[in-house]
Amino acid sequence: MANLLIGIDLGGTNIKIGCFDTHLKLLKKTSITTDANTGPQAVVERMLAAVGGLVKESGFALSDISAAGIGTPGPADYKAGIIINSPNMPAFKNVPIRQMLSDGLRCPVVFDNDANVACFGEFIAGAGKGVDDMAFFTLGTGIGGGVVSEGKLLRGSGGNAAELGHTIIYPDGRLCNCGQKGCAEAYASASNTAKRATEAIEAGEKSTLKKVLDKYGQITCKDVYDHLKAGDKLAKKITDETAEALAILCINVLHTTEPQRIVFAGGMIAAGDVLLNRIKDYFNEHIWSLKKESVEICFATLGEDAGIIGAAALAMANSKS
């Protein structure tokens, strides 16, 4: 009997699913649309059908699955296995996702935050390999976070630890979607980097980005970095502010958990060295002088597979504990 592991990354738009062997070798993967408005039951049924198809394509049966893992966004009760609420999936309120999947797959299911799952994937098989302590940030619409301490994910008393994007770095600063003011996410996420550029142009600042705003009605984070490379002064100001906010976030997490490596993931890292080098510059500018720090700041390496790898790895770890 083969022991297969299933990793699932549930997003508001797409669901990624991977089928792995017990050495975490990816056998097959697929992606299906979430169609969250159809409701939790319908989404789970299509998820189970996709898993069944993937397992069959890999030459196995559902009975060969030894464990599965799933990562989801938004507040949850991870001990009870319930999605409490999800901003991108309004119909998902108090959904017993772990039990629904366990009943459908007839195997143990591990349920965790999507950023934690991606963090663990990078720790096990990506940019975190070779260290015991790692911090992880994913830069997208918001800023997700994860921390591995002494080889284990930091979860906290209610399972919602490492909401690093909601670390307040500028008291009484910009209003964040979470309701706090001055969160790192309100300054340095991809969406808020673009939003700050838009606000500056609307306030009258000169920029070549205005042509983009006039033509398309919006500016993306990619636009800001493209115009930075073309020498636009506002784009430089905005991206410097983003890098400084992320550097301050790195310093705060360094002093809290002392990771050996800080890893950035998400769509914004496509900006490349122009982003990473500025984060390092501001980190070195603001860090204390009491001792020289050896923490490595780098980009993730697994891309979109981090979530499914991490989910499968957590399922494997849980089955051995």
Protein backbone atom coordinates (compact mmCIF):
# COMPACT_ATOMS: atom_id res chain seq x y z
CA MET A 1 0.00 0.00 0.00
CA ALA A 2 1.42 3.37 -1.02
CA ASN A 3 1.30 6.25 1.38
CA LEU A 4 0.37 9.39 -0.52
CA LEU A 5 0.28 12.91 0.88
CA ILE A 6 -2.07 15.60 -0.37
CA GLY A 7 -1.32 19.32 -0.12
CA ILE A 8 -4.09 21.88 -0.73
CA ASP A 9 -3.76 25.66 -1.00
CA LEU A 10 -7.23 27.22 -0.85
CA GLY A 11 -7.36 30.77 -2.21
CA GLY A 12 -10.19 33.15 -2.97
CA THR A 13 -9.67 32.72 -6.73
CA ASN A 14 -7.94 29.36 -7.22
CA ILE A 15 -7.36 26.10 -5.37
CA LYS A 16 -3.97 24.47 -5.89
CA ILE A 17 -3.64 20.76 -5.13
CA GLY A 18 -0.55 18.55 -5.09
CA CYS A 19 -0.07 14.80 -4.75
CA PHE A 20 3.21 13.76 -3.08
CA ASP A 21 5.00 10.61 -2.05
CA THR A 22 6.32 10.12 1.50
CA HIS A 23 9.61 11.80 0.55
CA LEU A 24 7.68 14.93 -0.48
CA LYS A 25 8.37 14.30 -4.14
CA LEU A 26 5.66 16.01 -6.18
CA LEU A 27 3.92 13.41 -8.34
CA LYS A 28 1.14 15.50 -9.86
CA LYS A 29 -0.43 18.90 -9.30
CA THR A 30 -3.48 20.77 -10.52
CA SER A 31 -5.33 24.03 -10.05
CA ILE A 32 -9.09 24.64 -10.16
CA THR A 33 -11.14 27.81 -9.78
CA THR A 34 -12.55 28.33 -6.31
CA ASP A 35 -15.96 29.75 -7.30
CA ALA A 36 -16.39 30.64 -3.64
CA ASN A 37 -19.85 32.14 -4.22
CA THR A 38 -21.20 28.61 -4.80
CA GLY A 39 -20.77 27.98 -1.07
CA PRO A 40 -18.51 25.81 1.11
CA GLN A 41 -20.22 22.49 0.38
CA ALA A 42 -19.93 22.88 -3.39
CA VAL A 43 -16.33 24.08 -3.16
CA VAL A 44 -15.31 21.15 -0.97
CA GLU A 45 -17.06 18.67 -3.28
CA ARG A 46 -15.16 20.00 -6.29
CA MET A 47 -11.95 19.98 -4.26
CA LEU A 48 -12.50 16.32 -3.36
CA ALA A 49 -13.26 15.47 -7.00
CA ALA A 50 -10.04 17.18 -8.07
CA VAL A 51 -8.05 15.24 -5.47
CA GLY A 52 -9.62 12.01 -6.67
CA GLY A 53 -8.70 12.79 -10.28
CA LEU A 54 -5.16 13.74 -9.33
CA VAL A 55 -4.63 10.55 -7.33
CA LYS A 56 -5.97 8.44 -10.19
CA GLU A 57 -3.67 10.20 -12.68
CA SER A 58 -0.77 9.36 -10.37
CA GLY A 59 -1.68 5.69 -10.59
CA PHE A 60 -3.13 5.31 -7.09
CA ALA A 61 -6.46 5.18 -5.25
CA LEU A 62 -7.98 7.38 -2.54
CA SER A 63 -7.28 4.59 -0.04
CA ASP A 64 -3.55 5.18 -0.64
CA ILE A 65 -3.73 8.67 0.93
CA SER A 66 -2.22 8.59 4.41
CA ALA A 67 -2.74 12.27 5.28
CA ALA A 68 -3.66 15.64 3.79
CA GLY A 69 -3.00 19.26 4.66
CA ILE A 70 -4.74 22.49 3.72
CA GLY A 71 -3.89 26.17 4.07
CA THR A 72 -6.60 28.85 3.97
CA PRO A 73 -6.66 32.66 4.31
CA GLY A 74 -8.47 34.66 6.96
CA PRO A 75 -9.29 34.16 10.66
CA ALA A 76 -9.82 30.58 11.76
CA ASP A 77 -10.01 28.32 14.78
CA TYR A 78 -7.21 25.96 13.83
CA LYS A 79 -7.60 23.70 16.86
CA ALA A 80 -11.26 23.13 16.02
CA GLY A 81 -10.59 23.02 12.28
CA ILE A 82 -13.01 25.83 11.43
CA ILE A 83 -12.75 28.72 8.99
CA ILE A 84 -14.34 31.56 10.97
CA ASN A 85 -14.43 34.12 8.19
CA SER A 86 -12.60 34.86 4.96
CA PRO A 87 -12.56 38.30 3.30
CA ASN A 88 -12.26 36.85 -0.22
CA MET A 89 -14.81 34.09 0.40
CA PRO A 90 -17.82 35.76 2.09
CA ALA A 91 -19.88 32.56 2.14
CA PHE A 92 -17.22 30.81 4.23
CA LYS A 93 -18.37 31.51 7.78
CA ASN A 94 -17.82 28.95 10.55
CA VAL A 95 -16.99 26.22 8.04
CA PRO A 96 -15.67 22.94 9.56
CA ILE A 97 -13.22 22.53 6.70
CA ARG A 98 -10.98 19.96 8.39
CA GLN A 99 -13.86 17.59 9.18
CA MET A 100 -15.39 18.01 5.72
CA LEU A 101 -12.12 17.07 4.05
CA SER A 102 -11.35 14.28 6.49
CA ASP A 103 -14.77 12.73 5.89
CA GLY A 104 -14.36 13.01 2.13
CA LEU A 105 -10.79 11.70 1.94
CA ARG A 106 -11.08 9.27 4.85
CA CYS A 107 -7.73 10.29 6.28
CA PRO A 108 -6.33 12.72 8.87
CA VAL A 109 -6.27 16.36 7.72
CA VAL A 110 -4.03 19.15 9.02
CA PHE A 111 -5.45 22.68 8.77
CA ASP A 112 -3.40 25.88 9.04
CA ASN A 113 -3.12 29.48 7.88
CA ASP A 114 -2.07 29.85 4.24
CA ALA A 115 0.97 31.98 5.11
CA ASN A 116 2.08 29.45 7.74
CA VAL A 117 1.73 26.67 5.20
CA ALA A 118 3.79 28.53 2.58
CA CYS A 119 6.35 29.39 5.27
CA PHE A 120 6.70 25.72 6.21
CA GLY A 121 7.04 24.77 2.55
CA GLU A 122 9.95 27.18 2.11
CA PHE A 123 11.45 25.96 5.39
CA ILE A 124 11.32 22.30 4.40
CA ALA A 125 12.13 22.47 0.69
CA GLY A 126 13.00 26.03 -0.33
CA ALA A 127 14.84 29.11 0.89
CA GLY A 128 14.75 27.96 4.52
CA LYS A 129 16.57 24.67 4.01
CA GLY A 130 19.52 24.25 6.35
CA VAL A 131 18.33 26.53 9.17
CA ASP A 132 16.28 25.92 12.31
CA ASP A 133 14.88 29.43 12.72
CA MET A 134 13.23 31.39 9.92
CA ALA A 135 10.81 34.27 9.41
CA PHE A 136 8.66 34.51 6.30
CA PHE A 137 6.73 37.34 4.65
CA THR A 138 4.50 37.08 1.61
CA LEU A 139 3.94 40.38 -0.18
CA GLY A 140 0.67 40.62 -2.05
CA THR A 141 -2.68 42.29 -1.43
CA GLY A 142 -1.65 42.17 2.21
CA ILE A 143 1.43 40.94 4.06
CA GLY A 144 1.18 37.41 5.37
CA GLY A 145 3.69 36.06 7.84
CA GLY A 146 5.08 32.90 9.34
CA VAL A 147 7.79 32.04 11.85
CA VAL A 148 9.66 28.78 12.34
CA SER A 149 11.40 28.57 15.70
CA GLU A 150 13.67 25.62 16.50
CA GLY A 151 12.19 23.72 13.58
CA LYS A 152 8.54 24.26 14.49
CA LEU A 153 5.91 26.72 13.31
CA LEU A 154 5.08 29.39 15.85
CA ARG A 155 1.29 29.25 16.33
CA GLY A 156 0.43 30.98 19.60
CA SER A 157 -2.33 30.21 22.11
CA GLY A 158 -5.14 30.52 19.58
CA GLY A 159 -3.22 29.44 16.49
CA ASN A 160 -3.14 32.94 15.01
CA ALA A 161 0.44 33.97 15.83
CA ALA A 162 2.82 35.53 13.30
CA GLU A 163 0.37 38.02 11.80
CA LEU A 164 3.53 39.95 11.01
CA GLY A 165 1.95 42.29 8.48
CA HIS A 166 -0.07 43.80 11.31
CA THR A 167 2.97 44.76 13.33
CA ILE A 168 2.55 48.49 13.99
CA ILE A 169 5.64 50.27 12.70
CA TYR A 170 4.32 53.84 12.56
CA PRO A 171 1.95 54.63 15.49
CA ASP A 172 -1.08 56.67 14.38
CA GLY A 173 -0.05 56.06 10.79
CA ARG A 174 -2.08 54.93 7.79
CA LEU A 175 -5.32 53.09 8.49
CA CYS A 176 -4.99 49.38 7.76
CA ASN A 177 -7.86 47.17 6.58
CA CYS A 178 -7.59 45.33 9.90
CA GLY A 179 -8.67 48.48 11.78
CA GLN A 180 -5.28 49.32 13.28
CA LYS A 181 -3.24 52.34 12.30
CA GLY A 182 0.38 52.17 11.16
CA CYS A 183 0.61 48.47 10.26
CA ALA A 184 3.46 47.42 7.99
CA GLU A 185 0.82 46.09 5.58
CA ALA A 186 -0.68 49.57 5.19
CA TYR A 187 2.64 50.76 3.74
CA ALA A 188 4.51 47.86 2.20
CA SER A 189 2.09 45.38 0.65
CA ALA A 190 1.91 45.33 -3.14
CA SER A 191 -1.56 46.87 -3.12
CA ASN A 192 -0.63 49.64 -0.69
CA THR A 193 2.58 50.46 -2.54
CA ALA A 194 0.41 51.13 -5.59
CA LYS A 195 -2.21 52.93 -3.49
CA ARG A 196 0.35 55.33 -2.00
CA ALA A 197 1.59 56.19 -5.49
CA THR A 198 -1.97 56.85 -6.63
CA GLU A 199 -2.65 59.08 -3.63
CA ALA A 200 0.53 61.07 -4.27
CA ILE A 201 -0.40 61.71 -7.91
CA GLU A 202 -3.95 62.67 -6.96
CA ALA A 203 -2.44 65.11 -4.45
CA GLY A 204 -0.55 66.79 -7.30
CA GLU A 205 2.90 65.18 -7.27
CA LYS A 206 4.57 64.92 -10.68
CA SER A 207 5.19 61.46 -12.09
CA THR A 208 5.23 59.53 -15.34
CA LEU A 209 2.84 57.18 -13.54
CA LYS A 210 0.07 59.73 -14.07
CA LYS A 211 -0.22 58.61 -17.70
CA VAL A 212 -0.87 55.06 -16.47
CA LEU A 213 -3.45 56.28 -13.98
CA ASP A 214 -5.20 58.42 -16.61
CA LYS A 215 -5.25 55.61 -19.15
CA TYR A 216 -6.23 52.65 -16.98
CA GLY A 217 -7.81 54.27 -13.95
CA GLN A 218 -5.41 52.52 -11.60
CA ILE A 219 -1.74 51.87 -10.89
CA THR A 220 -0.29 48.48 -10.01
CA CYS A 221 2.75 47.71 -7.91
CA LYS A 222 4.46 46.45 -11.06
CA ASP A 223 3.84 49.83 -12.69
CA VAL A 224 5.56 51.57 -9.78
CA TYR A 225 8.67 49.37 -10.06
CA ASP A 226 8.71 49.65 -13.86
CA HIS A 227 8.73 53.43 -13.60
CA LEU A 228 11.38 53.28 -10.88
CA LYS A 229 13.67 51.51 -13.35
CA ALA A 230 12.89 54.26 -15.87
CA GLY A 231 14.08 56.90 -13.38
CA ASP A 232 10.78 58.31 -12.08
CA LYS A 233 11.37 60.28 -8.86
CA LEU A 234 7.97 59.55 -7.28
CA ALA A 235 8.38 55.84 -7.97
CA LYS A 236 11.75 55.97 -6.20
CA LYS A 237 10.24 57.75 -3.21
CA ILE A 238 7.35 55.26 -2.93
CA THR A 239 9.54 52.16 -3.33
CA ASP A 240 12.08 53.51 -0.85
CA GLU A 241 9.28 53.92 1.69
CA THR A 242 8.13 50.37 1.00
CA ALA A 243 11.65 49.00 1.46
CA GLU A 244 12.15 50.98 4.67
CA ALA A 245 8.88 49.69 6.13
CA LEU A 246 9.90 46.11 5.31
CA ALA A 247 13.35 46.67 6.82
CA ILE A 248 11.80 47.93 10.07
CA LEU A 249 9.56 44.86 10.04
CA CYS A 250 12.65 42.65 9.62
CA ILE A 251 14.35 44.34 12.58
CA ASN A 252 11.29 43.86 14.78
CA VAL A 253 11.01 40.17 13.93
CA LEU A 254 14.78 39.73 14.39
CA HIS A 255 14.59 41.11 17.92
CA THR A 256 11.50 38.97 18.67
CA THR A 257 12.43 35.53 17.30
CA GLU A 258 16.07 35.86 16.12
CA PRO A 259 15.77 33.94 12.83
CA GLN A 260 18.79 32.84 10.88
CA ARG A 261 17.01 33.70 7.64
CA ILE A 262 14.24 36.12 6.67
CA VAL A 263 12.47 35.09 3.48
CA PHE A 264 10.26 37.24 1.25
CA ALA A 265 7.71 35.68 -1.11
CA GLY A 266 4.71 36.83 -3.15
CA GLY A 267 4.19 38.65 -6.42
CA MET A 268 6.11 41.75 -5.36
CA ILE A 269 9.45 39.93 -5.27
CA ALA A 270 9.35 39.99 -9.08
CA ALA A 271 10.85 43.48 -8.63
CA GLY A 272 14.10 41.64 -7.93
CA ASP A 273 17.29 43.11 -6.49
CA VAL A 274 16.00 46.67 -6.68
CA LEU A 275 13.62 45.71 -3.85
CA LEU A 276 15.85 43.29 -1.93
CA ASN A 277 18.93 45.51 -1.91
CA ARG A 278 16.97 48.51 -0.63
CA ILE A 279 15.49 46.42 2.19
CA LYS A 280 19.02 45.40 3.17
CA ASP A 281 20.23 49.01 2.96
CA TYR A 282 17.53 50.26 5.32
CA PHE A 283 18.00 47.25 7.58
CA ASN A 284 21.68 48.11 7.99
CA GLU A 285 20.82 51.78 8.50
CA HIS A 286 18.30 51.19 11.30
CA ILE A 287 19.61 48.07 13.09
CA TRP A 288 21.27 48.49 16.46
CA SER A 289 25.02 48.81 16.84
CA LEU A 290 25.35 46.60 19.93
CA LYS A 291 26.44 43.62 17.82
CA LYS A 292 26.75 42.73 14.16
CA GLU A 293 23.82 40.66 12.91
CA SER A 294 24.35 37.68 10.63
CA VAL A 295 20.71 37.16 9.58
CA GLU A 296 20.30 36.51 5.86
CA ILE A 297 17.52 38.36 4.02
CA CYS A 298 16.52 36.65 0.77
CA PHE A 299 13.72 35.75 -1.63
CA ALA A 300 11.67 32.55 -1.60
CA THR A 301 12.48 29.88 -4.18
CA LEU A 302 9.39 27.65 -4.46
CA GLY A 303 7.05 30.10 -6.16
CA GLU A 304 3.40 29.07 -6.26
CA ASP A 305 4.20 25.53 -5.10
CA ALA A 306 5.16 26.65 -1.57
CA GLY A 307 1.59 26.27 -0.29
CA ILE A 308 0.97 22.73 -1.52
CA ILE A 309 4.44 21.58 -0.46
CA GLY A 310 4.00 23.11 2.99
CA ALA A 311 0.53 21.61 3.43
CA ALA A 312 1.80 18.14 2.51
CA ALA A 313 4.86 18.57 4.76
CA LEU A 314 2.66 19.54 7.72
CA ALA A 315 0.43 16.53 7.05
CA MET A 316 3.49 14.28 7.02
CA ALA A 317 4.87 15.81 10.23
CA ASN A 318 1.52 15.43 11.96
CA SER A 319 1.18 11.79 10.94
CA LYS A 320 4.58 11.03 12.50
CA SER A 321 3.91 12.83 15.78
